[in-house]
Amino acid sequence: MCPVLHTHDGFVEAVIDEDGGLKRFYEVANLLSEELRISFHNKLDDFDSLIWDFRYKGQPLSLQYNIYTGICLYPQSVNRNKLHPNEMVTEVASFLESRLLVHTVKKYIS
């Protein structure tokens, strides 16, 4: 699993898992909660998607699950004069890449 980074209108979106389902979304959310001490707020749970907002190093980010597009991470808003939210998305995506890879390897070894 390697996050794919896309740039749209000045913001970076990290696709964490294109084929990820609800179980994978909750695994990602738990990793963020437990290891980065993130607490989610403004949880939108809809029929075909979940969008959970959180703050990371002061930046507002969103973790999204959609049945059609998988799991992604993006800034809630972008000030065109600052790249900081994009840097935070990239940092969290890199963390998830390393942690989810370890979890996947452990699962197959067991």
C-alpha atoms as a PDB file:
ATOM      1  CA  MET A   1       0.000   0.000   0.000  1.00  0.00           C
ATOM      2  CA  CYS A   2       1.528   3.241  -1.120  1.00  0.00           C
ATOM      3  CA  PRO A   3      -0.544   6.437  -0.909  1.00  0.00           C
ATOM      4  CA  VAL A   4      -1.073   8.124  -4.248  1.00  0.00           C
ATOM      5  CA  LEU A   5      -0.920  11.914  -4.074  1.00  0.00           C
ATOM      6  CA  HIS A   6      -3.102  13.990  -6.380  1.00  0.00           C
ATOM      7  CA  THR A   7      -3.135  17.777  -6.632  1.00  0.00           C
ATOM      8  CA  HIS A   8      -6.481  19.482  -7.277  1.00  0.00           C
ATOM      9  CA  ASP A   9      -6.901  23.266  -7.376  1.00  0.00           C
ATOM     10  CA  GLY A  10      -3.975  23.873  -5.054  1.00  0.00           C
ATOM     11  CA  PHE A  11      -4.578  21.129  -2.514  1.00  0.00           C
ATOM     12  CA  VAL A  12      -3.105  17.673  -2.128  1.00  0.00           C
ATOM     13  CA  GLU A  13      -5.322  14.628  -1.753  1.00  0.00           C
ATOM     14  CA  ALA A  14      -3.732  11.375  -0.582  1.00  0.00           C
ATOM     15  CA  VAL A  15      -5.471   8.214  -1.734  1.00  0.00           C
ATOM     16  CA  ILE A  16      -4.707   5.851   1.125  1.00  0.00           C
ATOM     17  CA  ASP A  17      -6.421   2.770  -0.296  1.00  0.00           C
ATOM     18  CA  GLU A  18      -8.413   2.745  -3.558  1.00  0.00           C
ATOM     19  CA  ASP A  19     -10.016  -0.604  -2.755  1.00  0.00           C
ATOM     20  CA  GLY A  20     -10.352  -0.090   0.988  1.00  0.00           C
ATOM     21  CA  GLY A  21     -13.647  -0.903   2.632  1.00  0.00           C
ATOM     22  CA  LEU A  22     -15.182   0.103   5.937  1.00  0.00           C
ATOM     23  CA  LYS A  23     -12.961  -2.281   7.885  1.00  0.00           C
ATOM     24  CA  ARG A  24      -9.846  -0.663   6.391  1.00  0.00           C
ATOM     25  CA  PHE A  25     -11.256   2.836   7.056  1.00  0.00           C
ATOM     26  CA  TYR A  26     -11.693   1.998  10.738  1.00  0.00           C
ATOM     27  CA  GLU A  27      -8.181   0.512  10.836  1.00  0.00           C
ATOM     28  CA  VAL A  28      -6.789   3.788   9.440  1.00  0.00           C
ATOM     29  CA  ALA A  29      -8.896   5.858  11.868  1.00  0.00           C
ATOM     30  CA  ASN A  30      -7.703   3.738  14.815  1.00  0.00           C
ATOM     31  CA  LEU A  31      -4.053   4.161  13.803  1.00  0.00           C
ATOM     32  CA  LEU A  32      -4.486   7.918  13.659  1.00  0.00           C
ATOM     33  CA  SER A  33      -6.292   7.981  17.009  1.00  0.00           C
ATOM     34  CA  GLU A  34      -3.940   5.707  18.879  1.00  0.00           C
ATOM     35  CA  GLU A  35      -0.546   6.541  17.436  1.00  0.00           C
ATOM     36  CA  LEU A  36      -0.905  10.212  16.488  1.00  0.00           C
ATOM     37  CA  ARG A  37      -3.341  11.037  19.301  1.00  0.00           C
ATOM     38  CA  ILE A  38      -5.882  12.428  16.859  1.00  0.00           C
ATOM     39  CA  SER A  39      -9.486  12.882  17.891  1.00  0.00           C
ATOM     40  CA  PHE A  40     -12.135  13.046  15.227  1.00  0.00           C
ATOM     41  CA  HIS A  41     -14.966  15.557  15.242  1.00  0.00           C
ATOM     42  CA  ASN A  42     -17.707  16.530  12.798  1.00  0.00           C
ATOM     43  CA  LYS A  43     -18.200  12.921  11.734  1.00  0.00           C
ATOM     44  CA  LEU A  44     -20.441  12.708   8.694  1.00  0.00           C
ATOM     45  CA  ASP A  45     -21.692   9.161   8.220  1.00  0.00           C
ATOM     46  CA  ASP A  46     -23.690   8.935   5.007  1.00  0.00           C
ATOM     47  CA  PHE A  47     -25.069   6.017   3.010  1.00  0.00           C
ATOM     48  CA  ASP A  48     -22.092   5.676   0.668  1.00  0.00           C
ATOM     49  CA  SER A  49     -19.379   7.682   2.427  1.00  0.00           C
ATOM     50  CA  LEU A  50     -17.883   8.726   5.752  1.00  0.00           C
ATOM     51  CA  ILE A  51     -16.055  12.013   6.275  1.00  0.00           C
ATOM     52  CA  TRP A  52     -14.332  12.484   9.603  1.00  0.00           C
ATOM     53  CA  ASP A  53     -12.626  15.787  10.365  1.00  0.00           C
ATOM     54  CA  PHE A  54      -9.608  16.166  12.640  1.00  0.00           C
ATOM     55  CA  ARG A  55      -6.708  18.478  13.356  1.00  0.00           C
ATOM     56  CA  TYR A  56      -3.086  17.501  12.868  1.00  0.00           C
ATOM     57  CA  LYS A  57      -0.428  19.947  14.066  1.00  0.00           C
ATOM     58  CA  GLY A  58      -3.080  22.636  14.024  1.00  0.00           C
ATOM     59  CA  GLN A  59      -4.203  21.975  10.458  1.00  0.00           C
ATOM     60  CA  PRO A  60      -7.788  20.894   9.746  1.00  0.00           C
ATOM     61  CA  LEU A  61      -7.805  17.686   7.683  1.00  0.00           C
ATOM     62  CA  SER A  62     -10.466  15.169   6.638  1.00  0.00           C
ATOM     63  CA  LEU A  63     -10.345  11.399   6.361  1.00  0.00           C
ATOM     64  CA  GLN A  64     -12.895  10.095   3.873  1.00  0.00           C
ATOM     65  CA  TYR A  65     -14.234   6.690   2.926  1.00  0.00           C
ATOM     66  CA  ASN A  66     -16.358   6.346  -0.193  1.00  0.00           C
ATOM     67  CA  ILE A  67     -17.637   3.068  -1.617  1.00  0.00           C
ATOM     68  CA  TYR A  68     -16.623   4.175  -5.120  1.00  0.00           C
ATOM     69  CA  THR A  69     -13.254   5.844  -4.505  1.00  0.00           C
ATOM     70  CA  GLY A  70     -11.881   4.168  -1.373  1.00  0.00           C
ATOM     71  CA  ILE A  71     -10.090   5.949   1.477  1.00  0.00           C
ATOM     72  CA  CYS A  72      -8.473   9.355   1.093  1.00  0.00           C
ATOM     73  CA  LEU A  73      -7.077  12.188   3.157  1.00  0.00           C
ATOM     74  CA  TYR A  74      -7.221  15.889   2.292  1.00  0.00           C
ATOM     75  CA  PRO A  75      -7.146  19.372   3.859  1.00  0.00           C
ATOM     76  CA  GLN A  76     -10.530  20.834   4.791  1.00  0.00           C
ATOM     77  CA  SER A  77      -9.597  24.125   3.145  1.00  0.00           C
ATOM     78  CA  VAL A  78      -6.530  25.578   1.538  1.00  0.00           C
ATOM     79  CA  ASN A  79      -5.197  29.088   1.757  1.00  0.00           C
ATOM     80  CA  ARG A  80      -3.540  29.578  -1.598  1.00  0.00           C
ATOM     81  CA  ASN A  81      -0.672  31.467   0.062  1.00  0.00           C
ATOM     82  CA  LYS A  82       0.269  28.550   2.305  1.00  0.00           C
ATOM     83  CA  LEU A  83       1.385  25.012   1.524  1.00  0.00           C
ATOM     84  CA  HIS A  84       1.277  23.936   5.166  1.00  0.00           C
ATOM     85  CA  PRO A  85      -1.994  21.929   4.979  1.00  0.00           C
ATOM     86  CA  ASN A  86      -0.638  20.057   1.955  1.00  0.00           C
ATOM     87  CA  GLU A  87       2.537  19.242   3.847  1.00  0.00           C
ATOM     88  CA  MET A  88       0.460  17.851   6.727  1.00  0.00           C
ATOM     89  CA  VAL A  89      -1.521  15.624   4.325  1.00  0.00           C
ATOM     90  CA  THR A  90       1.744  14.287   2.910  1.00  0.00           C
ATOM     91  CA  GLU A  91       3.165  13.722   6.398  1.00  0.00           C
ATOM     92  CA  VAL A  92       0.099  11.817   7.642  1.00  0.00           C
ATOM     93  CA  ALA A  93      -0.024   9.781   4.406  1.00  0.00           C
ATOM     94  CA  SER A  94       3.631   8.770   4.840  1.00  0.00           C
ATOM     95  CA  PHE A  95       2.962   7.747   8.431  1.00  0.00           C
ATOM     96  CA  LEU A  96      -0.020   5.642   7.341  1.00  0.00           C
ATOM     97  CA  GLU A  97       2.006   4.035   4.564  1.00  0.00           C
ATOM     98  CA  SER A  98       4.643   2.827   7.021  1.00  0.00           C
ATOM     99  CA  ARG A  99       2.168   1.670   9.679  1.00  0.00           C
ATOM    100  CA  LEU A 100      -0.329  -0.023   7.357  1.00  0.00           C
ATOM    101  CA  LEU A 101       2.471  -1.875   5.594  1.00  0.00           C
ATOM    102  CA  VAL A 102       3.640  -3.267   8.954  1.00  0.00           C
ATOM    103  CA  HIS A 103       0.071  -4.328   9.839  1.00  0.00           C
ATOM    104  CA  THR A 104      -0.389  -6.028   6.457  1.00  0.00           C
ATOM    105  CA  VAL A 105       2.904  -7.927   6.710  1.00  0.00           C
ATOM    106  CA  LYS A 106       2.084  -9.087  10.271  1.00  0.00           C
ATOM    107  CA  LYS A 107      -1.322 -10.308   9.097  1.00  0.00           C
ATOM    108  CA  TYR A 108       0.207 -12.466   6.340  1.00  0.00           C
ATOM    109  CA  ILE A 109       2.985 -13.820   8.558  1.00  0.00           C
ATOM    110  CA  SER A 110       0.570 -14.930  11.298  1.00  0.00           C
END
